[in-house]
N, C-alpha and C. Protein backbone atom coordinates (compact mmCIF):
# COMPACT_ATOMS: atom_id res chain seq x y z
N MET A 1 115.32 5.27 -36.91
CA MET A 1 115.68 5.75 -38.23
C MET A 1 114.60 5.32 -39.20
N SER A 2 114.27 6.16 -40.12
CA SER A 2 113.12 5.93 -40.97
C SER A 2 113.47 5.62 -42.42
N LEU A 3 114.68 5.20 -42.71
CA LEU A 3 115.04 4.80 -44.06
C LEU A 3 114.87 3.29 -44.17
N THR A 4 113.98 2.86 -45.07
CA THR A 4 113.78 1.43 -45.29
C THR A 4 113.99 1.12 -46.77
N THR A 5 114.33 -0.12 -47.05
CA THR A 5 114.58 -0.53 -48.43
C THR A 5 113.84 -1.82 -48.74
N GLU A 6 113.56 -1.99 -50.02
CA GLU A 6 113.04 -3.24 -50.55
C GLU A 6 113.92 -3.60 -51.73
N GLY A 7 114.40 -4.83 -51.78
CA GLY A 7 115.28 -5.26 -52.85
C GLY A 7 116.71 -5.34 -52.37
N ARG A 8 117.53 -6.02 -53.14
CA ARG A 8 118.94 -6.19 -52.79
C ARG A 8 119.81 -5.91 -54.01
N ALA A 9 120.97 -5.38 -53.75
CA ALA A 9 121.95 -5.14 -54.82
C ALA A 9 122.64 -6.46 -55.15
N PRO A 10 123.08 -6.66 -56.36
CA PRO A 10 122.88 -5.77 -57.50
C PRO A 10 121.46 -5.87 -58.03
N GLY A 11 120.95 -4.74 -58.46
CA GLY A 11 119.60 -4.68 -59.00
C GLY A 11 118.85 -3.48 -58.47
N PRO A 12 117.55 -3.41 -58.78
CA PRO A 12 116.75 -2.27 -58.33
C PRO A 12 116.43 -2.36 -56.84
N VAL A 13 116.49 -1.21 -56.19
CA VAL A 13 116.19 -1.12 -54.77
C VAL A 13 115.22 0.06 -54.59
N ARG A 14 114.12 -0.17 -53.90
CA ARG A 14 113.17 0.89 -53.58
C ARG A 14 113.45 1.39 -52.17
N TYR A 15 113.52 2.71 -52.05
CA TYR A 15 113.80 3.37 -50.77
C TYR A 15 112.56 4.13 -50.31
N ARG A 16 112.30 4.07 -49.04
CA ARG A 16 111.25 4.87 -48.42
C ARG A 16 111.88 5.62 -47.25
N LEU A 17 111.63 6.92 -47.23
CA LEU A 17 112.25 7.78 -46.23
C LEU A 17 111.17 8.66 -45.61
N ALA A 18 111.12 8.69 -44.29
CA ALA A 18 110.18 9.53 -43.55
C ALA A 18 110.97 10.46 -42.65
N CYS A 19 110.50 11.69 -42.53
CA CYS A 19 111.18 12.66 -41.67
C CYS A 19 111.07 12.21 -40.23
N ASP A 20 112.20 12.24 -39.52
CA ASP A 20 112.26 11.81 -38.13
C ASP A 20 112.00 12.93 -37.13
N ARG A 21 111.81 14.15 -37.62
CA ARG A 21 111.54 15.25 -36.68
C ARG A 21 110.12 15.12 -36.17
N GLY A 22 109.96 15.17 -34.87
CA GLY A 22 108.64 15.02 -34.26
C GLY A 22 107.61 15.96 -34.85
N GLY A 23 106.45 15.42 -35.19
CA GLY A 23 105.36 16.23 -35.72
C GLY A 23 105.36 16.37 -37.23
N CYS A 24 106.42 15.99 -37.90
CA CYS A 24 106.49 16.12 -39.36
C CYS A 24 106.00 14.82 -40.00
N THR A 25 105.22 14.94 -41.07
CA THR A 25 104.70 13.78 -41.78
C THR A 25 105.26 13.66 -43.19
N GLU A 26 106.31 14.42 -43.49
CA GLU A 26 106.91 14.40 -44.84
C GLU A 26 107.51 13.03 -45.13
N ARG A 27 107.25 12.53 -46.35
CA ARG A 27 107.78 11.23 -46.79
C ARG A 27 108.17 11.32 -48.25
N VAL A 28 109.11 10.47 -48.63
CA VAL A 28 109.53 10.39 -50.03
C VAL A 28 109.91 8.94 -50.32
N SER A 29 109.68 8.51 -51.55
CA SER A 29 110.18 7.20 -51.95
C SER A 29 110.81 7.35 -53.33
N PHE A 30 111.81 6.52 -53.60
CA PHE A 30 112.51 6.57 -54.88
C PHE A 30 113.15 5.22 -55.13
N ASP A 31 113.49 4.97 -56.38
CA ASP A 31 114.13 3.73 -56.79
C ASP A 31 115.52 4.04 -57.34
N LEU A 32 116.48 3.22 -56.99
CA LEU A 32 117.82 3.30 -57.55
C LEU A 32 118.24 1.91 -57.99
N VAL A 33 118.99 1.85 -59.08
CA VAL A 33 119.58 0.59 -59.49
C VAL A 33 121.01 0.57 -58.98
N ILE A 34 121.31 -0.39 -58.14
CA ILE A 34 122.63 -0.52 -57.53
C ILE A 34 123.38 -1.61 -58.29
N ALA A 35 124.47 -1.24 -58.92
CA ALA A 35 125.22 -2.19 -59.75
C ALA A 35 126.17 -3.06 -58.92
N GLU A 36 126.70 -2.51 -57.84
CA GLU A 36 127.69 -3.24 -57.06
C GLU A 36 127.01 -4.15 -56.04
N PRO A 37 127.44 -5.40 -55.96
CA PRO A 37 126.90 -6.27 -54.92
C PRO A 37 127.46 -5.86 -53.56
N PRO A 38 126.78 -6.22 -52.49
CA PRO A 38 127.30 -5.88 -51.16
C PRO A 38 128.58 -6.67 -50.87
N PRO A 39 129.40 -6.20 -49.93
CA PRO A 39 130.59 -6.95 -49.55
C PRO A 39 130.18 -8.29 -48.94
N ASP A 40 131.12 -9.19 -48.91
CA ASP A 40 130.89 -10.51 -48.34
C ASP A 40 130.49 -10.39 -46.87
N ARG A 41 129.48 -11.13 -46.48
CA ARG A 41 128.97 -11.08 -45.11
C ARG A 41 130.04 -11.46 -44.09
N GLU A 42 130.87 -12.43 -44.41
CA GLU A 42 131.91 -12.89 -43.48
C GLU A 42 133.03 -11.86 -43.34
N THR A 43 133.34 -11.16 -44.40
CA THR A 43 134.43 -10.19 -44.40
C THR A 43 134.02 -8.85 -43.79
N ASP A 44 132.81 -8.38 -44.13
CA ASP A 44 132.36 -7.06 -43.68
C ASP A 44 130.86 -7.13 -43.38
N PHE A 45 130.52 -7.63 -42.21
CA PHE A 45 129.12 -7.85 -41.85
C PHE A 45 128.31 -6.56 -41.88
N LEU A 46 128.82 -5.49 -41.24
CA LEU A 46 128.10 -4.23 -41.20
C LEU A 46 127.97 -3.63 -42.60
N GLY A 47 129.03 -3.68 -43.38
CA GLY A 47 128.97 -3.19 -44.76
C GLY A 47 127.98 -3.97 -45.59
N HIS A 48 127.88 -5.27 -45.33
CA HIS A 48 126.92 -6.12 -46.03
C HIS A 48 125.49 -5.68 -45.72
N LEU A 49 125.22 -5.41 -44.44
CA LEU A 49 123.88 -5.00 -44.02
C LEU A 49 123.49 -3.62 -44.52
N LEU A 50 124.45 -2.70 -44.52
CA LEU A 50 124.15 -1.29 -44.84
C LEU A 50 124.48 -0.89 -46.27
N HIS A 51 124.81 -1.85 -47.11
CA HIS A 51 125.26 -1.54 -48.47
C HIS A 51 124.26 -0.66 -49.23
N GLU A 52 123.00 -1.05 -49.28
CA GLU A 52 122.01 -0.29 -50.04
C GLU A 52 121.81 1.11 -49.46
N ALA A 53 121.81 1.24 -48.14
CA ALA A 53 121.65 2.55 -47.51
C ALA A 53 122.81 3.47 -47.87
N HIS A 54 124.03 2.95 -47.84
CA HIS A 54 125.20 3.77 -48.18
C HIS A 54 125.17 4.22 -49.64
N GLN A 55 124.63 3.41 -50.51
CA GLN A 55 124.57 3.76 -51.93
C GLN A 55 123.64 4.94 -52.18
N ALA A 56 122.67 5.16 -51.31
CA ALA A 56 121.67 6.21 -51.50
C ALA A 56 122.02 7.53 -50.84
N ILE A 57 123.08 7.59 -50.06
CA ILE A 57 123.40 8.80 -49.30
C ILE A 57 123.49 10.05 -50.18
N GLY A 58 124.20 9.98 -51.27
CA GLY A 58 124.34 11.14 -52.16
C GLY A 58 123.01 11.56 -52.76
N TYR A 59 122.20 10.60 -53.14
CA TYR A 59 120.90 10.91 -53.73
C TYR A 59 119.98 11.57 -52.71
N ILE A 60 119.98 11.05 -51.49
CA ILE A 60 119.16 11.61 -50.43
C ILE A 60 119.57 13.05 -50.14
N GLY A 61 120.87 13.31 -50.09
CA GLY A 61 121.37 14.67 -49.89
C GLY A 61 120.96 15.60 -51.02
N GLY A 62 120.97 15.08 -52.25
CA GLY A 62 120.55 15.87 -53.41
C GLY A 62 119.08 16.26 -53.36
N LEU A 63 118.28 15.48 -52.66
CA LEU A 63 116.86 15.80 -52.48
C LEU A 63 116.65 16.85 -51.39
N GLY A 64 117.72 17.21 -50.67
CA GLY A 64 117.63 18.21 -49.62
C GLY A 64 117.43 17.65 -48.23
N TRP A 65 117.43 16.33 -48.11
CA TRP A 65 117.29 15.70 -46.79
C TRP A 65 118.63 15.70 -46.08
N VAL A 66 118.61 15.87 -44.75
CA VAL A 66 119.83 15.97 -43.95
C VAL A 66 119.78 14.91 -42.86
N PHE A 67 120.91 14.22 -42.67
CA PHE A 67 121.01 13.28 -41.56
C PHE A 67 121.51 14.04 -40.35
N VAL A 68 120.73 14.04 -39.28
CA VAL A 68 121.07 14.75 -38.05
C VAL A 68 121.69 13.73 -37.09
N GLU A 69 122.95 13.96 -36.74
CA GLU A 69 123.68 13.06 -35.85
C GLU A 69 123.06 13.01 -34.47
N GLY A 70 123.41 11.99 -33.71
CA GLY A 70 122.97 11.89 -32.33
C GLY A 70 121.63 11.17 -32.17
N GLY A 71 121.30 10.32 -33.14
CA GLY A 71 120.07 9.56 -33.03
C GLY A 71 118.83 10.24 -33.55
N GLU A 72 118.99 11.45 -34.09
CA GLU A 72 117.83 12.18 -34.60
C GLU A 72 117.32 11.59 -35.92
N GLY A 73 118.21 11.11 -36.77
CA GLY A 73 117.80 10.52 -38.05
C GLY A 73 117.74 11.54 -39.18
N TYR A 74 116.94 11.22 -40.19
CA TYR A 74 116.82 12.08 -41.37
C TYR A 74 115.73 13.12 -41.17
N TRP A 75 116.04 14.36 -41.55
CA TRP A 75 115.08 15.45 -41.54
C TRP A 75 114.84 15.91 -42.97
N CYS A 76 113.59 16.19 -43.28
CA CYS A 76 113.22 16.65 -44.62
C CYS A 76 113.75 18.06 -44.87
N PRO A 77 113.70 18.53 -46.11
CA PRO A 77 114.20 19.89 -46.39
C PRO A 77 113.50 20.98 -45.57
N GLY A 78 112.21 20.84 -45.33
CA GLY A 78 111.49 21.84 -44.55
C GLY A 78 111.92 21.91 -43.11
N CYS A 79 112.24 20.77 -42.52
CA CYS A 79 112.64 20.74 -41.11
C CYS A 79 114.12 21.05 -40.92
N SER A 80 114.92 20.79 -41.92
CA SER A 80 116.36 20.99 -41.77
C SER A 80 116.82 22.39 -42.17
N ALA A 81 115.96 23.15 -42.84
CA ALA A 81 116.33 24.51 -43.24
C ALA A 81 116.09 25.47 -42.08
N PRO A 82 117.12 26.16 -41.62
CA PRO A 82 116.96 27.03 -40.45
C PRO A 82 116.00 28.20 -40.69
N SER A 83 115.82 28.60 -41.95
CA SER A 83 114.97 29.76 -42.23
C SER A 83 113.50 29.40 -42.36
N ARG A 84 113.17 28.13 -42.36
CA ARG A 84 111.78 27.70 -42.51
C ARG A 84 111.16 27.38 -41.16
N THR A 85 109.84 27.47 -41.09
CA THR A 85 109.13 27.11 -39.88
C THR A 85 109.05 25.60 -39.79
N ARG A 86 109.46 25.07 -38.67
CA ARG A 86 109.43 23.64 -38.46
C ARG A 86 108.08 23.24 -37.86
N PRO A 87 107.60 22.03 -38.11
CA PRO A 87 106.28 21.61 -37.64
C PRO A 87 106.05 21.82 -36.15
N ALA A 88 107.01 21.50 -35.31
CA ALA A 88 106.84 21.64 -33.86
C ALA A 88 106.79 23.12 -33.45
N ASP A 89 107.31 24.01 -34.30
CA ASP A 89 107.34 25.45 -33.97
C ASP A 89 106.08 26.17 -34.45
N ALA A 90 105.35 25.52 -35.36
CA ALA A 90 104.17 26.18 -35.94
C ALA A 90 103.07 26.31 -34.89
N SER A 91 102.34 27.40 -34.95
CA SER A 91 101.25 27.59 -33.98
C SER A 91 99.93 27.18 -34.58
C-alpha cells in the first residue's frame, strides 16, 4: 500500500499517495489538520495505528482516487477510470 503519513493527530498530517497499479507513476501529496486524537492504544490498537489514514479516506475519494480491494491498493483517477487508457495497456 502506498499511503504514507507524517505527523500525528491532533494536528497537521502530511499524506503522500502513489498509484499502486503497475507501471503508473502518478503521485499526490496533501496536508490535513486532524482535530480528533487517535483512540487509546490499549483500547483500540488497530484504530490507534490507522487513525490518520481513516481520516483521509473521504478526501482521497474526492480527489478521484479509488481503493481497489484484494491487496491492489490505491489507484489514481487515470487508472481507475474504465474509459481511460491505463499505463499497462498503453502501447
